[in-house]
Amino acid sequence: MVISGAMYDGILQYMQGGVVVLDLQGYVRVFNPAAAHLLGVDSGHAIGQPFASLFFDHAANDDFSQAVLDAIYDPALQHARDLAFYREDGLIWLNVITSFLWASPAAGDAARKIGLVALFVDITQHKDAEQELRRNNQDLEERVRQRTQELADANHQLHERLAMQAEEQKQLSHLARHDALTGLPNRRLFGERLTDALAGAASFAIAYLDLDDFKSVNDTHGHEVGDWLIAAVVERLKTCLEPEDTLARVGGDEFALIIGDPKRAEAVMEAIIARVGEPYAYEDGTRLDIGASAGLALYPQAGDTVRSLIRAADAAMYDAKRAGRRTWRRAAARIDGELAG
């Protein structure tokens, strides 16, 4: 999956962890908002400055800045350390992971280091918990009999908290790759599966599908009915696919498919257009009529990269819309990297 500049900027903008990129001279090239918050340094001031100079006024942080800069000259590829950092509002602990950045080598050339990326995560609460546990253990040694039950209760609470955090992390990981309404793979997971298919399959097909007249249903009957209709469409789409196929929701009324056997692709398209176009009866008896326009692209005929296949399927889908909607079109085969007319 190719990450665009806008996606890259968005990832940096909303990451909870701090990200700092240094060149080999120790100058700051990237300084995301989370890093600005954690380190108490304005991003605009940091960019282009020597990393160590950001902390000249805070001698207590000399060890922190030196540990990051030392990684530039250390032959090890990656470091991970817990470091103390002093801010105006007090001491925090940061887990710092540093790793080299490499330039993509030209054919026949060796990879070349071009900089260092440092990732910062605030682990102050974890450190505070460790210190508190040590204090409790010291007190427990002095009053073992009196504190046995209290220690058991604290240990039970700790396990519950860790289990809750693990479950929350599992849910977040799922939501990052799945659509909240339908549970289908989202655009991100679809891209990952398409990348896997390109790496391991000799041939397959992808399709892009857009619901016709869905907006009017949503505007007329409201989002609750619209959500119900999306779920009903998904159930119909599933009946047209095999277990090895992928069905993803990549937009409000847009879906994407990976069809493992391209020989089934045309039959799948016909079935989808027919099934999605059948009337829907909402729970109060309201009749809902929508259709679908779809574009089909075969690998490797229509493209041999994630981007080219998606573009081919998307273009074919708009051909179907221009042809009157509620139908499908197949992307033409490429000729020397271009689509046939």
Protein backbone atom coordinates (compact mmCIF):
# COMPACT_ATOMS: atom_id res chain seq x y z
CA MET A 1 0.00 0.00 0.00
CA VAL A 2 1.49 3.34 -1.02
CA ILE A 3 1.14 6.00 1.69
CA SER A 4 0.60 9.48 0.27
CA GLY A 5 2.14 12.61 1.68
CA ALA A 6 -1.21 13.65 3.13
CA MET A 7 -1.65 10.26 4.83
CA TYR A 8 1.91 10.43 6.14
CA ASP A 9 1.30 13.92 7.57
CA GLY A 10 -1.97 12.77 9.09
CA ILE A 11 -0.31 9.79 10.76
CA LEU A 12 2.33 12.05 12.31
CA GLN A 13 -0.29 14.64 13.29
CA TYR A 14 -2.47 12.24 15.27
CA MET A 15 0.04 9.73 16.64
CA GLN A 16 -0.01 9.63 20.43
CA GLY A 17 3.69 8.85 20.50
CA GLY A 18 6.34 11.43 19.76
CA VAL A 19 8.27 11.14 16.50
CA VAL A 20 11.54 13.00 15.86
CA VAL A 21 13.68 12.50 12.77
CA LEU A 22 17.30 13.69 12.79
CA ASP A 23 19.80 13.84 9.97
CA LEU A 24 23.29 12.44 10.50
CA GLN A 25 24.50 15.83 11.77
CA GLY A 26 21.92 15.77 14.55
CA TYR A 27 19.60 18.41 13.07
CA VAL A 28 15.84 18.02 13.52
CA ARG A 29 13.95 17.28 10.29
CA VAL A 30 10.61 16.01 11.64
CA PHE A 31 9.02 16.93 14.99
CA ASN A 32 5.40 15.85 15.34
CA PRO A 33 2.82 17.43 17.74
CA ALA A 34 3.08 14.56 20.23
CA ALA A 35 6.85 15.13 20.47
CA ALA A 36 6.23 18.84 21.02
CA HIS A 37 3.83 18.02 23.85
CA LEU A 38 6.05 15.39 25.50
CA LEU A 39 9.28 17.40 25.26
CA GLY A 40 7.78 20.86 25.83
CA VAL A 41 9.30 22.26 22.64
CA ASP A 42 7.37 24.05 19.89
CA SER A 43 7.52 22.10 16.61
CA GLY A 44 8.10 25.25 14.57
CA HIS A 45 11.09 26.15 16.72
CA ALA A 46 12.52 22.63 16.65
CA ILE A 47 12.62 22.03 12.88
CA GLY A 48 16.08 22.74 11.47
CA GLN A 49 17.74 23.12 14.89
CA PRO A 50 20.42 20.87 16.39
CA PHE A 51 18.59 18.41 18.63
CA ALA A 52 20.89 19.05 21.60
CA SER A 53 20.34 22.82 21.38
CA LEU A 54 16.66 22.37 22.23
CA PHE A 55 17.64 21.51 25.81
CA PHE A 56 20.53 23.91 26.50
CA ASP A 57 18.44 25.66 29.16
CA HIS A 58 17.74 22.37 30.93
CA ALA A 59 21.03 20.88 32.09
CA ALA A 60 19.18 18.03 33.78
CA ASN A 61 18.25 16.78 30.31
CA ASP A 62 21.82 16.52 29.01
CA ASP A 63 21.82 12.74 29.50
CA PHE A 64 18.54 12.45 27.58
CA SER A 65 19.69 14.43 24.54
CA GLN A 66 23.11 12.74 24.53
CA ALA A 67 21.52 9.27 24.61
CA VAL A 68 19.51 10.11 21.48
CA LEU A 69 22.50 11.61 19.65
CA ASP A 70 24.80 8.72 20.62
CA ALA A 71 22.55 6.41 18.62
CA ILE A 72 23.68 8.15 15.42
CA TYR A 73 27.23 6.91 15.91
CA ASP A 74 26.45 3.51 17.41
CA PRO A 75 26.73 0.65 14.87
CA ALA A 76 23.72 -1.11 16.40
CA LEU A 77 20.64 -0.72 14.19
CA GLN A 78 18.16 -0.06 16.99
CA HIS A 79 18.11 1.01 20.65
CA ALA A 80 15.35 1.00 23.23
CA ARG A 81 15.79 2.76 26.56
CA ASP A 82 13.73 4.23 29.38
CA LEU A 83 14.99 7.78 30.02
CA ALA A 84 14.08 10.42 32.58
CA PHE A 85 13.04 13.80 31.16
CA TYR A 86 12.51 16.98 33.16
CA ARG A 87 9.78 19.42 32.14
CA GLU A 88 8.51 22.55 33.83
CA ASP A 89 5.64 20.54 35.28
CA GLY A 90 7.92 17.84 36.68
CA LEU A 91 9.72 14.61 35.86
CA ILE A 92 8.37 12.22 33.26
CA TRP A 93 9.69 8.92 31.98
CA LEU A 94 9.97 8.21 28.28
CA ASN A 95 10.50 4.93 26.52
CA VAL A 96 12.79 5.92 23.64
CA ILE A 97 13.32 3.72 20.59
CA THR A 98 15.88 4.88 18.01
CA SER A 99 16.51 3.35 14.61
CA PHE A 100 18.43 4.33 11.50
CA LEU A 101 16.77 5.64 8.35
CA TRP A 102 18.17 4.24 5.12
CA ALA A 103 18.11 5.62 1.60
CA SER A 104 16.77 3.25 -1.02
CA PRO A 105 19.85 2.09 -2.91
CA ALA A 106 20.17 2.28 -6.67
CA ALA A 107 20.72 -0.98 -8.49
CA GLY A 108 24.07 -2.43 -7.45
CA ASP A 109 24.67 0.08 -4.64
CA ALA A 110 24.70 -0.58 -0.92
CA ALA A 111 22.05 0.92 1.35
CA ARG A 112 23.09 4.24 2.88
CA LYS A 113 22.22 5.69 6.28
CA ILE A 114 20.61 9.11 6.00
CA GLY A 115 19.36 9.78 9.49
CA LEU A 116 17.78 8.59 12.69
CA VAL A 117 14.18 8.28 13.81
CA ALA A 118 13.38 8.45 17.51
CA LEU A 119 10.02 7.36 18.93
CA PHE A 120 8.94 8.60 22.38
CA VAL A 121 6.21 7.08 24.54
CA ASP A 122 5.26 8.45 27.96
CA ILE A 123 5.61 5.59 30.48
CA THR A 124 5.45 7.78 33.60
CA GLN A 125 2.38 6.01 34.92
CA HIS A 126 4.10 2.68 34.45
CA LYS A 127 7.19 3.90 36.30
CA ASP A 128 5.06 5.40 39.07
CA ALA A 129 3.28 2.05 39.37
CA GLU A 130 6.64 0.28 39.66
CA GLN A 131 7.81 2.69 42.38
CA GLU A 132 4.53 2.32 44.24
CA LEU A 133 4.82 -1.46 44.05
CA ARG A 134 8.36 -1.31 45.46
CA ARG A 135 7.15 0.84 48.38
CA ASN A 136 4.33 -1.58 49.04
CA ASN A 137 6.72 -4.53 48.99
CA GLN A 138 9.06 -2.84 51.48
CA ASP A 139 6.15 -2.14 53.78
CA LEU A 140 4.94 -5.70 53.29
CA GLU A 141 8.28 -7.10 54.45
CA GLU A 142 7.86 -5.18 57.70
CA ARG A 143 4.23 -6.15 58.26
CA VAL A 144 3.78 -9.39 56.36
CA ARG A 145 0.91 -10.79 58.42
CA GLN A 146 -1.10 -7.56 58.47
CA ARG A 147 -0.71 -6.78 54.76
CA THR A 148 -1.07 -10.22 53.13
CA GLN A 149 -4.71 -9.74 52.19
CA GLU A 150 -4.11 -6.17 51.07
CA LEU A 151 -1.31 -7.34 48.75
CA ALA A 152 -3.58 -10.03 47.31
CA ASP A 153 -6.27 -7.44 46.58
CA ALA A 154 -3.78 -5.06 44.96
CA ASN A 155 -2.36 -7.86 42.83
CA HIS A 156 -5.85 -8.84 41.70
CA GLN A 157 -6.63 -5.25 40.72
CA LEU A 158 -3.38 -5.01 38.80
CA HIS A 159 -4.19 -8.13 36.79
CA GLU A 160 -7.69 -6.83 36.08
CA ARG A 161 -6.26 -3.51 34.87
CA LEU A 162 -3.71 -5.23 32.65
CA ALA A 163 -6.36 -7.56 31.25
CA MET A 164 -8.61 -4.57 30.56
CA GLN A 165 -5.79 -2.73 28.82
CA ALA A 166 -5.00 -5.82 26.73
CA GLU A 167 -8.64 -6.14 25.71
CA GLU A 168 -8.85 -2.44 24.86
CA GLN A 169 -5.71 -2.74 22.76
CA LYS A 170 -7.20 -5.75 20.97
CA GLN A 171 -10.38 -3.79 20.24
CA LEU A 172 -8.42 -0.77 19.01
CA SER A 173 -6.34 -2.99 16.74
CA HIS A 174 -9.53 -4.49 15.31
CA LEU A 175 -11.17 -1.08 14.79
CA ALA A 176 -8.05 0.18 13.02
CA ARG A 177 -8.61 -2.38 10.25
CA HIS A 178 -12.37 -2.92 10.26
CA ASP A 179 -15.50 -0.90 9.56
CA ALA A 180 -17.38 -0.10 12.77
CA LEU A 181 -20.88 -0.53 11.29
CA THR A 182 -20.47 -3.74 9.29
CA GLY A 183 -17.40 -5.37 10.79
CA LEU A 184 -15.96 -5.68 7.26
CA PRO A 185 -12.31 -4.94 6.47
CA ASN A 186 -11.81 -1.22 5.93
CA ARG A 187 -9.71 0.52 3.28
CA ARG A 188 -6.50 -0.08 5.24
CA LEU A 189 -7.01 -3.83 5.65
CA PHE A 190 -8.21 -4.13 2.04
CA GLY A 191 -4.93 -2.56 0.91
CA GLU A 192 -2.95 -5.01 3.04
CA ARG A 193 -4.82 -8.00 1.64
CA LEU A 194 -4.41 -6.69 -1.90
CA THR A 195 -0.68 -6.38 -1.28
CA ASP A 196 -0.62 -9.98 -0.01
CA ALA A 197 -2.52 -11.14 -3.09
CA LEU A 198 -0.01 -9.43 -5.38
CA ALA A 199 2.82 -11.18 -3.57
CA GLY A 200 1.33 -14.65 -3.59
CA ALA A 201 -1.25 -15.14 -6.34
CA ALA A 202 -0.70 -15.68 -10.06
CA SER A 203 -4.05 -14.16 -10.93
CA PHE A 204 -7.13 -12.71 -9.24
CA ALA A 205 -9.63 -9.91 -9.71
CA ILE A 206 -10.64 -6.84 -7.77
CA ALA A 207 -13.82 -4.83 -8.01
CA TYR A 208 -15.00 -1.43 -6.83
CA LEU A 209 -18.70 -1.02 -6.08
CA ASP A 210 -20.73 2.12 -5.45
CA LEU A 211 -24.41 2.10 -4.40
CA ASP A 212 -26.73 4.01 -6.73
CA ASP A 213 -29.47 6.18 -5.16
CA PHE A 214 -28.27 5.44 -1.62
CA LYS A 215 -27.87 9.12 -0.81
CA SER A 216 -31.51 9.83 -1.60
CA VAL A 217 -32.59 7.00 0.73
CA ASN A 218 -30.33 8.36 3.46
CA ASP A 219 -31.59 11.92 3.00
CA THR A 220 -35.24 10.89 2.85
CA HIS A 221 -35.42 8.27 5.59
CA GLY A 222 -32.53 9.20 7.86
CA HIS A 223 -29.23 7.66 8.92
CA GLU A 224 -30.82 4.88 10.97
CA VAL A 225 -32.51 3.50 7.87
CA GLY A 226 -29.35 4.17 5.87
CA ASP A 227 -27.27 2.11 8.31
CA TRP A 228 -29.82 -0.71 8.17
CA LEU A 229 -29.69 -0.63 4.39
CA ILE A 230 -25.86 -0.81 4.34
CA ALA A 231 -26.00 -3.88 6.60
CA ALA A 232 -28.63 -5.49 4.34
CA VAL A 233 -26.50 -4.83 1.25
CA VAL A 234 -23.51 -6.44 2.95
CA GLU A 235 -25.48 -9.61 3.65
CA ARG A 236 -26.50 -9.81 -0.01
CA LEU A 237 -22.95 -9.21 -1.19
CA LYS A 238 -21.69 -12.03 1.00
CA THR A 239 -24.03 -14.47 -0.73
CA CYS A 240 -22.26 -13.70 -4.02
CA LEU A 241 -18.77 -14.48 -2.75
CA GLU A 242 -16.70 -17.46 -1.66
CA PRO A 243 -14.97 -17.72 1.75
CA GLU A 244 -11.56 -17.03 0.19
CA ASP A 245 -12.76 -13.73 -1.31
CA THR A 246 -12.44 -10.37 0.47
CA LEU A 247 -15.28 -7.90 0.89
CA ALA A 248 -14.35 -4.48 2.31
CA ARG A 249 -16.23 -1.27 3.02
CA VAL A 250 -13.99 1.56 1.83
CA GLY A 251 -16.45 4.47 2.04
CA GLY A 252 -19.96 5.42 3.10
CA ASP A 253 -21.62 3.58 0.22
CA GLU A 254 -18.50 2.15 -1.44
CA PHE A 255 -17.20 -1.39 -1.30
CA ALA A 256 -14.16 -3.18 -2.65
CA LEU A 257 -13.68 -6.86 -3.42
CA ILE A 258 -10.85 -9.28 -4.05
CA ILE A 259 -12.05 -12.32 -6.00
CA GLY A 260 -9.58 -15.14 -5.63
CA ASP A 261 -10.54 -16.99 -8.82
CA PRO A 262 -10.76 -14.58 -11.78
CA LYS A 263 -12.78 -17.17 -13.73
CA ARG A 264 -15.67 -16.46 -11.34
CA ALA A 265 -15.32 -12.68 -11.62
CA GLU A 266 -17.91 -11.98 -14.30
CA ALA A 267 -20.48 -14.28 -12.69
CA VAL A 268 -19.86 -12.54 -9.35
CA MET A 269 -20.42 -9.14 -10.95
CA GLU A 270 -23.69 -10.25 -12.54
CA ALA A 271 -24.87 -11.72 -9.25
CA ILE A 272 -23.98 -8.57 -7.31
CA ILE A 273 -25.78 -6.23 -9.69
CA ALA A 274 -28.87 -8.46 -9.58
CA ARG A 275 -28.90 -9.05 -5.80
CA VAL A 276 -28.15 -5.48 -4.75
CA GLY A 277 -30.80 -4.20 -7.17
CA GLU A 278 -33.61 -6.25 -5.64
CA PRO A 279 -36.05 -4.20 -3.46
CA TYR A 280 -35.50 -3.92 0.29
CA ALA A 281 -38.26 -3.90 2.89
CA TYR A 282 -37.45 -1.96 6.05
CA GLU A 283 -38.84 -3.24 9.34
CA ASP A 284 -41.78 -0.78 9.20
CA GLY A 285 -42.67 -1.97 5.71
CA THR A 286 -41.00 0.88 3.82
CA ARG A 287 -39.81 -0.21 0.39
CA LEU A 288 -36.31 0.89 -0.52
CA ASP A 289 -34.91 0.74 -4.05
CA ILE A 290 -31.22 1.14 -4.81
CA GLY A 291 -28.77 -0.34 -7.25
CA ALA A 292 -25.05 -0.70 -7.74
CA SER A 293 -22.44 0.35 -10.26
CA ALA A 294 -19.28 -1.72 -10.28
CA GLY A 295 -15.91 -1.86 -11.98
CA LEU A 296 -13.85 -5.03 -12.41
CA ALA A 297 -10.06 -5.22 -12.90
CA LEU A 298 -8.15 -8.43 -13.54
CA TYR A 299 -4.61 -9.05 -12.33
CA PRO A 300 -2.21 -8.94 -14.10
CA GLN A 301 -4.06 -7.81 -17.25
CA ALA A 302 -5.37 -4.48 -15.91
CA GLY A 303 -2.51 -3.69 -13.51
CA ASP A 304 0.25 -5.22 -11.46
CA THR A 305 0.43 -2.86 -8.47
CA VAL A 306 -2.00 -1.88 -5.73
CA ARG A 307 -2.37 1.59 -7.19
CA SER A 308 -2.82 0.55 -10.80
CA LEU A 309 -5.40 -2.12 -9.98
CA ILE A 310 -7.45 0.21 -7.78
CA ARG A 311 -7.33 2.97 -10.39
CA ALA A 312 -8.40 0.54 -13.11
CA ALA A 313 -11.32 -0.81 -11.07
CA ASP A 314 -12.39 2.68 -10.02
CA ALA A 315 -12.28 3.96 -13.61
CA ALA A 316 -14.33 0.97 -14.77
CA MET A 317 -16.89 1.69 -12.05
CA TYR A 318 -17.34 5.25 -13.34
CA ASP A 319 -17.70 3.84 -16.85
CA ALA A 320 -20.61 1.82 -15.48
CA LYS A 321 -22.15 4.93 -13.96
CA ARG A 322 -21.84 6.78 -17.27
CA ALA A 323 -23.50 3.82 -18.98
CA GLY A 324 -26.66 4.38 -16.98
CA ARG A 325 -25.80 2.91 -13.55
CA ARG A 326 -26.96 -0.40 -12.06
CA THR A 327 -24.48 -2.28 -14.21
CA TRP A 328 -20.79 -3.17 -14.26
CA ARG A 329 -17.85 -2.68 -16.57
CA ARG A 330 -14.49 -4.40 -16.87
CA ALA A 331 -11.24 -2.46 -17.07
CA ALA A 332 -9.40 -2.86 -20.35
CA ALA A 333 -6.07 -4.69 -20.45
CA ARG A 334 -2.90 -2.65 -20.40
CA ILE A 335 -0.71 -2.11 -23.44
CA ASP A 336 2.90 -1.24 -22.48
CA GLY A 337 1.79 0.13 -19.11
CA GLU A 338 -1.25 1.98 -20.44
CA LEU A 339 -4.87 0.87 -20.61
CA ALA A 340 -6.17 -0.18 -23.99
CA GLY A 341 -8.70 2.19 -25.47
